[in-house]
Amino acid sequence: MRTTPTLGFVTALLVIVGAILGVSSGRAQPSASTCAQGANESRGNFTAHAGLGVRVRTLRFDGVEATIKPLRSASGLTGCERIGGLVGIGSTVAGTYLVLDLYSQARLPTGFVSHYQWAKGGPYWYVAPARVSGLPSSAGRAHTLRLTRLRPTSTWLVEVDNHVVDHIELPGSNRGLPMPRALLYASNQDGRINRGSFRFTHVHALPAGGQTWTRFPHGKTWLYTDHPKYMYVDLGATSFIAKNR
């Protein structure tokens, strides 16, 4: 069974990872930077979503995870447009959240890379593309994305394929954050459909203070489908495919 991260357990790991990769939130870019489109907002004509999320704001969680596999190469992208799969936690309305994704973008090298974005009650910051071992990768390769609070602090671990990429401080989140989610998103600037298909498996959340990763809570999880050209295909309690029509 996977253990829940605690401060003593990962302190040495964070020091080692930081020394090897040079990771820190100091590499972050402000939201005003070029192509600063997030997984939740976009400067384009529309941003479409398809997936699952817990919409009850009173429930708190210490983590969210999913394994995301692009089933085919992305197409139809121009400029800053992107299409990808993400995990996220926290409220964009309240302004404290963290998002991690696997995406393709026209202006970046062929393949899929990762980006993470966060806000602490104000403008958001992001690192894109993040330096992650094994990325860029091609369609057909699955990657596990995970966001976990480092108990008992307000620090969150950003993990790709079980490797810590960064640690983000979100003040006031020491009791967890609401609204874990796992989604396809597609940002669009030219009105044409960006094409892609992603399989999500092992979609789990970690309840605040809990020790066991579980499916999103039944009866409190909503289906995100906010654009008619993107769809959700149910594969079971913790799996689905999200794609363009």
C-alpha atoms as a PDB file:
ATOM      1  CA  MET A   1       0.000   0.000   0.000  1.00  0.00           C
ATOM      2  CA  ARG A   2       1.307   3.437  -0.884  1.00  0.00           C
ATOM      3  CA  THR A   3       2.244   5.560   2.130  1.00  0.00           C
ATOM      4  CA  THR A   4       1.077   9.114   2.667  1.00  0.00           C
ATOM      5  CA  PRO A   5       3.890  11.694   2.376  1.00  0.00           C
ATOM      6  CA  THR A   6       4.998  13.365   5.592  1.00  0.00           C
ATOM      7  CA  LEU A   7       7.601  16.046   6.141  1.00  0.00           C
ATOM      8  CA  GLY A   8      10.282  13.782   7.602  1.00  0.00           C
ATOM      9  CA  PHE A   9       9.826  11.142   4.921  1.00  0.00           C
ATOM     10  CA  VAL A  10      10.533  13.382   1.931  1.00  0.00           C
ATOM     11  CA  THR A  11      12.811  16.181   3.167  1.00  0.00           C
ATOM     12  CA  ALA A  12      15.956  14.417   2.006  1.00  0.00           C
ATOM     13  CA  LEU A  13      14.303  13.466  -1.281  1.00  0.00           C
ATOM     14  CA  LEU A  14      13.407  17.077  -2.045  1.00  0.00           C
ATOM     15  CA  VAL A  15      16.977  18.183  -1.389  1.00  0.00           C
ATOM     16  CA  ILE A  16      18.358  15.493  -3.714  1.00  0.00           C
ATOM     17  CA  VAL A  17      15.848  16.191  -6.484  1.00  0.00           C
ATOM     18  CA  GLY A  18      16.437  19.929  -6.251  1.00  0.00           C
ATOM     19  CA  ALA A  19      20.189  19.485  -6.503  1.00  0.00           C
ATOM     20  CA  ILE A  20      19.950  17.195  -9.533  1.00  0.00           C
ATOM     21  CA  LEU A  21      17.228  18.956 -11.522  1.00  0.00           C
ATOM     22  CA  GLY A  22      17.505  22.471 -10.205  1.00  0.00           C
ATOM     23  CA  VAL A  23      13.804  22.369  -9.408  1.00  0.00           C
ATOM     24  CA  SER A  24      12.159  25.121  -7.445  1.00  0.00           C
ATOM     25  CA  SER A  25       9.253  27.454  -7.861  1.00  0.00           C
ATOM     26  CA  GLY A  26      11.837  30.133  -8.699  1.00  0.00           C
ATOM     27  CA  ARG A  27      11.641  28.949 -12.314  1.00  0.00           C
ATOM     28  CA  ALA A  28       7.991  29.930 -12.396  1.00  0.00           C
ATOM     29  CA  GLN A  29       6.647  32.421 -14.899  1.00  0.00           C
ATOM     30  CA  PRO A  30       3.865  34.926 -14.150  1.00  0.00           C
ATOM     31  CA  SER A  31       0.542  34.571 -15.909  1.00  0.00           C
ATOM     32  CA  ALA A  32       1.299  37.629 -18.072  1.00  0.00           C
ATOM     33  CA  SER A  33       4.074  35.775 -19.921  1.00  0.00           C
ATOM     34  CA  THR A  34       3.854  34.708 -23.572  1.00  0.00           C
ATOM     35  CA  CYS A  35       1.466  31.782 -24.146  1.00  0.00           C
ATOM     36  CA  ALA A  36       0.455  31.862 -20.486  1.00  0.00           C
ATOM     37  CA  GLN A  37      -2.659  29.771 -20.888  1.00  0.00           C
ATOM     38  CA  GLY A  38      -3.578  27.554 -18.039  1.00  0.00           C
ATOM     39  CA  ALA A  39      -5.424  24.340 -17.722  1.00  0.00           C
ATOM     40  CA  ASN A  40      -8.427  26.233 -16.423  1.00  0.00           C
ATOM     41  CA  GLU A  41      -8.360  29.520 -18.338  1.00  0.00           C
ATOM     42  CA  SER A  42      -7.347  30.596 -21.819  1.00  0.00           C
ATOM     43  CA  ARG A  43      -6.960  33.710 -23.909  1.00  0.00           C
ATOM     44  CA  GLY A  44      -8.475  31.878 -26.893  1.00  0.00           C
ATOM     45  CA  ASN A  45     -11.962  31.580 -28.291  1.00  0.00           C
ATOM     46  CA  PHE A  46     -12.848  28.807 -25.874  1.00  0.00           C
ATOM     47  CA  THR A  47     -11.418  26.230 -23.519  1.00  0.00           C
ATOM     48  CA  ALA A  48     -13.219  22.889 -23.538  1.00  0.00           C
ATOM     49  CA  HIS A  49     -13.169  20.223 -20.816  1.00  0.00           C
ATOM     50  CA  ALA A  50     -14.253  16.590 -20.519  1.00  0.00           C
ATOM     51  CA  GLY A  51     -13.733  14.503 -17.405  1.00  0.00           C
ATOM     52  CA  LEU A  52     -14.610  14.131 -13.725  1.00  0.00           C
ATOM     53  CA  GLY A  53     -14.380  16.374 -10.680  1.00  0.00           C
ATOM     54  CA  VAL A  54     -15.654  16.689  -7.117  1.00  0.00           C
ATOM     55  CA  ARG A  55     -17.736  19.854  -7.070  1.00  0.00           C
ATOM     56  CA  VAL A  56     -18.628  19.937  -3.339  1.00  0.00           C
ATOM     57  CA  ARG A  57     -16.450  22.732  -1.961  1.00  0.00           C
ATOM     58  CA  THR A  58     -16.808  21.687   1.688  1.00  0.00           C
ATOM     59  CA  LEU A  59     -14.977  18.371   1.180  1.00  0.00           C
ATOM     60  CA  ARG A  60     -11.202  18.543   1.613  1.00  0.00           C
ATOM     61  CA  PHE A  61      -8.535  16.340   0.044  1.00  0.00           C
ATOM     62  CA  ASP A  62      -4.790  15.888   0.420  1.00  0.00           C
ATOM     63  CA  GLY A  63      -4.162  14.584  -3.069  1.00  0.00           C
ATOM     64  CA  VAL A  64      -5.338  13.684  -6.546  1.00  0.00           C
ATOM     65  CA  GLU A  65      -3.810  11.339  -9.122  1.00  0.00           C
ATOM     66  CA  ALA A  66      -4.429   9.769 -12.516  1.00  0.00           C
ATOM     67  CA  THR A  67      -2.527   7.830 -15.138  1.00  0.00           C
ATOM     68  CA  ILE A  68      -3.021   9.532 -18.497  1.00  0.00           C
ATOM     69  CA  LYS A  69      -2.288   7.914 -21.852  1.00  0.00           C
ATOM     70  CA  PRO A  70      -2.582   9.875 -25.115  1.00  0.00           C
ATOM     71  CA  LEU A  71      -4.174   7.424 -27.515  1.00  0.00           C
ATOM     72  CA  ARG A  72      -3.099   9.336 -30.620  1.00  0.00           C
ATOM     73  CA  SER A  73      -1.003  12.322 -31.586  1.00  0.00           C
ATOM     74  CA  ALA A  74      -2.638  15.727 -31.210  1.00  0.00           C
ATOM     75  CA  SER A  75      -3.639  17.595 -34.364  1.00  0.00           C
ATOM     76  CA  GLY A  76      -5.254  20.856 -35.413  1.00  0.00           C
ATOM     77  CA  LEU A  77      -3.103  22.976 -33.068  1.00  0.00           C
ATOM     78  CA  THR A  78      -1.773  26.406 -34.020  1.00  0.00           C
ATOM     79  CA  GLY A  79       0.246  28.994 -32.085  1.00  0.00           C
ATOM     80  CA  CYS A  80      -0.350  28.794 -28.352  1.00  0.00           C
ATOM     81  CA  GLU A  81      -3.229  26.322 -28.587  1.00  0.00           C
ATOM     82  CA  ARG A  82      -2.899  23.145 -26.574  1.00  0.00           C
ATOM     83  CA  ILE A  83      -4.719  19.934 -25.800  1.00  0.00           C
ATOM     84  CA  GLY A  84      -3.969  17.621 -22.907  1.00  0.00           C
ATOM     85  CA  GLY A  85      -5.049  15.778 -19.810  1.00  0.00           C
ATOM     86  CA  LEU A  86      -4.732  17.156 -16.291  1.00  0.00           C
ATOM     87  CA  VAL A  87      -5.170  16.540 -12.600  1.00  0.00           C
ATOM     88  CA  GLY A  88      -5.992  19.482 -10.376  1.00  0.00           C
ATOM     89  CA  ILE A  89      -7.107  20.416  -6.884  1.00  0.00           C
ATOM     90  CA  GLY A  90      -8.421  23.596  -5.286  1.00  0.00           C
ATOM     91  CA  SER A  91     -10.800  26.291  -6.464  1.00  0.00           C
ATOM     92  CA  THR A  92     -10.011  28.684  -9.302  1.00  0.00           C
ATOM     93  CA  VAL A  93     -12.851  30.873  -8.006  1.00  0.00           C
ATOM     94  CA  ALA A  94     -11.339  31.134  -4.518  1.00  0.00           C
ATOM     95  CA  GLY A  95      -7.939  31.578  -6.150  1.00  0.00           C
ATOM     96  CA  THR A  96      -5.970  28.799  -4.436  1.00  0.00           C
ATOM     97  CA  TYR A  97      -5.324  25.773  -6.611  1.00  0.00           C
ATOM     98  CA  LEU A  98      -2.700  23.539  -8.209  1.00  0.00           C
ATOM     99  CA  VAL A  99      -2.857  21.841 -11.620  1.00  0.00           C
ATOM    100  CA  LEU A 100      -0.505  19.378 -13.353  1.00  0.00           C
ATOM    101  CA  ASP A 101      -0.936  18.215 -16.941  1.00  0.00           C
ATOM    102  CA  LEU A 102       0.364  16.247 -19.905  1.00  0.00           C
ATOM    103  CA  TYR A 103      -0.198  18.216 -23.103  1.00  0.00           C
ATOM    104  CA  SER A 104       0.758  18.934 -26.688  1.00  0.00           C
ATOM    105  CA  GLN A 105       1.195  22.439 -28.097  1.00  0.00           C
ATOM    106  CA  ALA A 106       1.930  23.637 -31.616  1.00  0.00           C
ATOM    107  CA  ARG A 107       4.841  25.855 -30.607  1.00  0.00           C
ATOM    108  CA  LEU A 108       6.677  23.082 -28.731  1.00  0.00           C
ATOM    109  CA  PRO A 109       8.533  20.036 -30.120  1.00  0.00           C
ATOM    110  CA  THR A 110       6.464  17.141 -31.380  1.00  0.00           C
ATOM    111  CA  GLY A 111       5.087  14.987 -28.593  1.00  0.00           C
ATOM    112  CA  PHE A 112       3.641  15.482 -25.113  1.00  0.00           C
ATOM    113  CA  VAL A 113       5.217  17.502 -22.322  1.00  0.00           C
ATOM    114  CA  SER A 114       4.124  18.571 -18.835  1.00  0.00           C
ATOM    115  CA  HIS A 115       3.243  21.885 -17.216  1.00  0.00           C
ATOM    116  CA  TYR A 116       2.068  22.835 -13.768  1.00  0.00           C
ATOM    117  CA  GLN A 117       0.279  25.934 -12.581  1.00  0.00           C
ATOM    118  CA  TRP A 118      -0.815  27.320  -9.248  1.00  0.00           C
ATOM    119  CA  ALA A 119      -2.273  30.352  -7.503  1.00  0.00           C
ATOM    120  CA  LYS A 120      -2.199  31.520  -3.903  1.00  0.00           C
ATOM    121  CA  GLY A 121      -5.213  33.803  -3.883  1.00  0.00           C
ATOM    122  CA  GLY A 122      -3.879  36.085  -6.620  1.00  0.00           C
ATOM    123  CA  PRO A 123      -2.438  35.848 -10.148  1.00  0.00           C
ATOM    124  CA  TYR A 124      -1.404  32.377 -11.205  1.00  0.00           C
ATOM    125  CA  TRP A 125       2.134  31.158 -11.869  1.00  0.00           C
ATOM    126  CA  TYR A 126       3.287  28.303 -14.021  1.00  0.00           C
ATOM    127  CA  VAL A 127       6.266  26.249 -15.191  1.00  0.00           C
ATOM    128  CA  ALA A 128       5.996  25.181 -18.843  1.00  0.00           C
ATOM    129  CA  PRO A 129       7.291  22.945 -20.103  1.00  0.00           C
ATOM    130  CA  ALA A 130       8.525  21.352 -16.900  1.00  0.00           C
ATOM    131  CA  ARG A 131      11.803  19.446 -16.960  1.00  0.00           C
ATOM    132  CA  VAL A 132      10.650  15.867 -16.431  1.00  0.00           C
ATOM    133  CA  SER A 133      12.572  12.664 -17.089  1.00  0.00           C
ATOM    134  CA  GLY A 134      10.953  10.722 -19.923  1.00  0.00           C
ATOM    135  CA  LEU A 135       9.326  13.768 -21.533  1.00  0.00           C
ATOM    136  CA  PRO A 136       8.629  14.740 -24.262  1.00  0.00           C
ATOM    137  CA  SER A 137       6.976  11.439 -25.057  1.00  0.00           C
ATOM    138  CA  SER A 138       4.853  10.124 -27.881  1.00  0.00           C
ATOM    139  CA  ALA A 139       1.271   8.956 -28.152  1.00  0.00           C
ATOM    140  CA  GLY A 140       0.715   5.542 -26.616  1.00  0.00           C
ATOM    141  CA  ARG A 141       2.890   6.164 -23.550  1.00  0.00           C
ATOM    142  CA  ALA A 142       1.128   6.509 -20.214  1.00  0.00           C
ATOM    143  CA  HIS A 143       2.299   8.851 -17.451  1.00  0.00           C
ATOM    144  CA  THR A 144       1.114   9.057 -13.851  1.00  0.00           C
ATOM    145  CA  LEU A 145       0.421  12.574 -12.578  1.00  0.00           C
ATOM    146  CA  ARG A 146       0.012  13.165  -8.846  1.00  0.00           C
ATOM    147  CA  LEU A 147      -0.456  16.148  -6.511  1.00  0.00           C
ATOM    148  CA  THR A 148      -0.063  15.398  -2.801  1.00  0.00           C
ATOM    149  CA  ARG A 149       0.034  17.558   0.315  1.00  0.00           C
ATOM    150  CA  LEU A 150       3.118  17.072   2.453  1.00  0.00           C
ATOM    151  CA  ARG A 151       1.498  16.594   5.859  1.00  0.00           C
ATOM    152  CA  PRO A 152       1.231  18.463   8.193  1.00  0.00           C
ATOM    153  CA  THR A 153       2.306  21.469   6.089  1.00  0.00           C
ATOM    154  CA  SER A 154       0.792  23.575   3.298  1.00  0.00           C
ATOM    155  CA  THR A 155       3.414  22.299   0.833  1.00  0.00           C
ATOM    156  CA  TRP A 156       2.274  20.212  -2.127  1.00  0.00           C
ATOM    157  CA  LEU A 157       4.391  17.723  -4.044  1.00  0.00           C
ATOM    158  CA  VAL A 158       4.177  17.749  -7.844  1.00  0.00           C
ATOM    159  CA  GLU A 159       4.951  14.255  -9.149  1.00  0.00           C
ATOM    160  CA  VAL A 160       5.250  12.730 -12.620  1.00  0.00           C
ATOM    161  CA  ASP A 161       5.786   8.971 -12.865  1.00  0.00           C
ATOM    162  CA  ASN A 162       6.542   8.797  -9.119  1.00  0.00           C
ATOM    163  CA  HIS A 163       9.334  11.389  -9.378  1.00  0.00           C
ATOM    164  CA  VAL A 164       9.032  14.660  -7.462  1.00  0.00           C
ATOM    165  CA  VAL A 165       9.267  17.497  -9.969  1.00  0.00           C
ATOM    166  CA  ASP A 166       8.663  20.407  -7.590  1.00  0.00           C
ATOM    167  CA  HIS A 167       7.122  21.404  -4.290  1.00  0.00           C
ATOM    168  CA  ILE A 168       4.645  24.290  -4.108  1.00  0.00           C
ATOM    169  CA  GLU A 169       3.661  26.216  -0.995  1.00  0.00           C
ATOM    170  CA  LEU A 170      -0.048  27.088  -0.877  1.00  0.00           C
ATOM    171  CA  PRO A 171      -0.662  29.044   2.339  1.00  0.00           C
ATOM    172  CA  GLY A 172      -3.802  28.052   4.195  1.00  0.00           C
ATOM    173  CA  SER A 173      -4.031  24.593   2.624  1.00  0.00           C
ATOM    174  CA  ASN A 174      -2.708  22.694   5.656  1.00  0.00           C
ATOM    175  CA  ARG A 175      -6.107  21.030   6.050  1.00  0.00           C
ATOM    176  CA  GLY A 176      -6.356  20.077   2.391  1.00  0.00           C
ATOM    177  CA  LEU A 177      -8.030  21.593  -0.656  1.00  0.00           C
ATOM    178  CA  PRO A 178     -11.419  20.988  -2.313  1.00  0.00           C
ATOM    179  CA  MET A 179     -12.451  19.915  -5.784  1.00  0.00           C
ATOM    180  CA  PRO A 180     -10.010  17.259  -7.052  1.00  0.00           C
ATOM    181  CA  ARG A 181     -10.461  16.720 -10.786  1.00  0.00           C
ATOM    182  CA  ALA A 182      -9.150  14.789 -13.774  1.00  0.00           C
ATOM    183  CA  LEU A 183      -9.959  16.243 -17.189  1.00  0.00           C
ATOM    184  CA  LEU A 184      -9.154  16.651 -20.835  1.00  0.00           C
ATOM    185  CA  TYR A 185      -8.790  20.303 -21.748  1.00  0.00           C
ATOM    186  CA  ALA A 186      -8.411  21.943 -25.135  1.00  0.00           C
ATOM    187  CA  SER A 187      -7.668  25.641 -25.572  1.00  0.00           C
ATOM    188  CA  ASN A 188      -8.636  27.134 -28.903  1.00  0.00           C
ATOM    189  CA  GLN A 189      -7.854  30.437 -30.581  1.00  0.00           C
ATOM    190  CA  ASP A 190      -8.909  29.977 -34.196  1.00  0.00           C
ATOM    191  CA  GLY A 191     -12.347  28.426 -33.803  1.00  0.00           C
ATOM    192  CA  ARG A 192     -11.328  25.065 -35.290  1.00  0.00           C
ATOM    193  CA  ILE A 193     -11.384  21.867 -33.264  1.00  0.00           C
ATOM    194  CA  ASN A 194      -8.129  20.632 -31.766  1.00  0.00           C
ATOM    195  CA  ARG A 195      -8.077  16.847 -31.928  1.00  0.00           C
ATOM    196  CA  GLY A 196      -6.862  14.385 -29.344  1.00  0.00           C
ATOM    197  CA  SER A 197      -7.874  11.375 -27.267  1.00  0.00           C
ATOM    198  CA  PHE A 198      -6.725  10.507 -23.734  1.00  0.00           C
ATOM    199  CA  ARG A 199      -7.354   7.463 -21.550  1.00  0.00           C
ATOM    200  CA  PHE A 200      -7.491   8.192 -17.815  1.00  0.00           C
ATOM    201  CA  THR A 201      -6.995   5.267 -15.423  1.00  0.00           C
ATOM    202  CA  HIS A 202      -6.368   4.960 -11.673  1.00  0.00           C
ATOM    203  CA  VAL A 203      -8.242   8.221 -11.059  1.00  0.00           C
ATOM    204  CA  HIS A 204      -8.086   8.654  -7.280  1.00  0.00           C
ATOM    205  CA  ALA A 205      -8.298  11.247  -4.539  1.00  0.00           C
ATOM    206  CA  LEU A 206      -6.804  11.176  -1.028  1.00  0.00           C
ATOM    207  CA  PRO A 207      -9.277  12.432   1.599  1.00  0.00           C
ATOM    208  CA  ALA A 208      -7.848  14.984   4.027  1.00  0.00           C
ATOM    209  CA  GLY A 209      -6.245  13.154   6.927  1.00  0.00           C
ATOM    210  CA  GLY A 210      -6.883   9.778   5.311  1.00  0.00           C
ATOM    211  CA  GLN A 211      -4.426   7.023   4.491  1.00  0.00           C
ATOM    212  CA  THR A 212      -6.119   5.381   1.515  1.00  0.00           C
ATOM    213  CA  TRP A 213      -6.478   6.676  -2.048  1.00  0.00           C
ATOM    214  CA  THR A 214     -10.051   6.117  -3.234  1.00  0.00           C
ATOM    215  CA  ARG A 215     -12.299   6.777  -6.200  1.00  0.00           C
ATOM    216  CA  PHE A 216     -13.894  10.197  -6.349  1.00  0.00           C
ATOM    217  CA  PRO A 217     -16.813  10.122  -3.861  1.00  0.00           C
ATOM    218  CA  HIS A 218     -20.005   8.722  -5.324  1.00  0.00           C
ATOM    219  CA  GLY A 219     -22.844  11.237  -5.471  1.00  0.00           C
ATOM    220  CA  LYS A 220     -20.514  14.217  -5.114  1.00  0.00           C
ATOM    221  CA  THR A 221     -18.637  13.884  -8.386  1.00  0.00           C
ATOM    222  CA  TRP A 222     -19.768  15.765 -11.469  1.00  0.00           C
ATOM    223  CA  LEU A 223     -19.158  15.126 -15.128  1.00  0.00           C
ATOM    224  CA  TYR A 224     -17.368  17.997 -16.871  1.00  0.00           C
ATOM    225  CA  THR A 225     -18.503  18.344 -20.484  1.00  0.00           C
ATOM    226  CA  ASP A 226     -18.762  21.989 -21.448  1.00  0.00           C
ATOM    227  CA  HIS A 227     -18.336  21.882 -25.222  1.00  0.00           C
ATOM    228  CA  PRO A 228     -20.327  19.805 -27.743  1.00  0.00           C
ATOM    229  CA  LYS A 229     -17.225  18.823 -29.730  1.00  0.00           C
ATOM    230  CA  TYR A 230     -15.573  17.000 -26.811  1.00  0.00           C
ATOM    231  CA  MET A 231     -16.891  13.925 -25.062  1.00  0.00           C
ATOM    232  CA  TYR A 232     -16.481  11.616 -22.057  1.00  0.00           C
ATOM    233  CA  VAL A 233     -16.619   7.813 -22.355  1.00  0.00           C
ATOM    234  CA  ASP A 234     -17.096   5.966 -19.055  1.00  0.00           C
ATOM    235  CA  LEU A 235     -14.859   2.911 -18.523  1.00  0.00           C
ATOM    236  CA  GLY A 236     -15.646   2.279 -14.847  1.00  0.00           C
ATOM    237  CA  ALA A 237     -15.369   3.880 -11.415  1.00  0.00           C
ATOM    238  CA  THR A 238     -11.788   5.083 -11.872  1.00  0.00           C
ATOM    239  CA  SER A 239     -11.303   5.102 -15.659  1.00  0.00           C
ATOM    240  CA  PHE A 240     -12.577   6.972 -18.707  1.00  0.00           C
ATOM    241  CA  ILE A 241     -11.638   8.234 -22.159  1.00  0.00           C
ATOM    242  CA  ALA A 242     -11.936  11.924 -23.040  1.00  0.00           C
ATOM    243  CA  LYS A 243     -11.651  12.987 -26.683  1.00  0.00           C
ATOM    244  CA  ASN A 244     -12.915  15.186 -29.459  1.00  0.00           C
ATOM    245  CA  ARG A 245     -15.994  14.009 -31.383  1.00  0.00           C
END
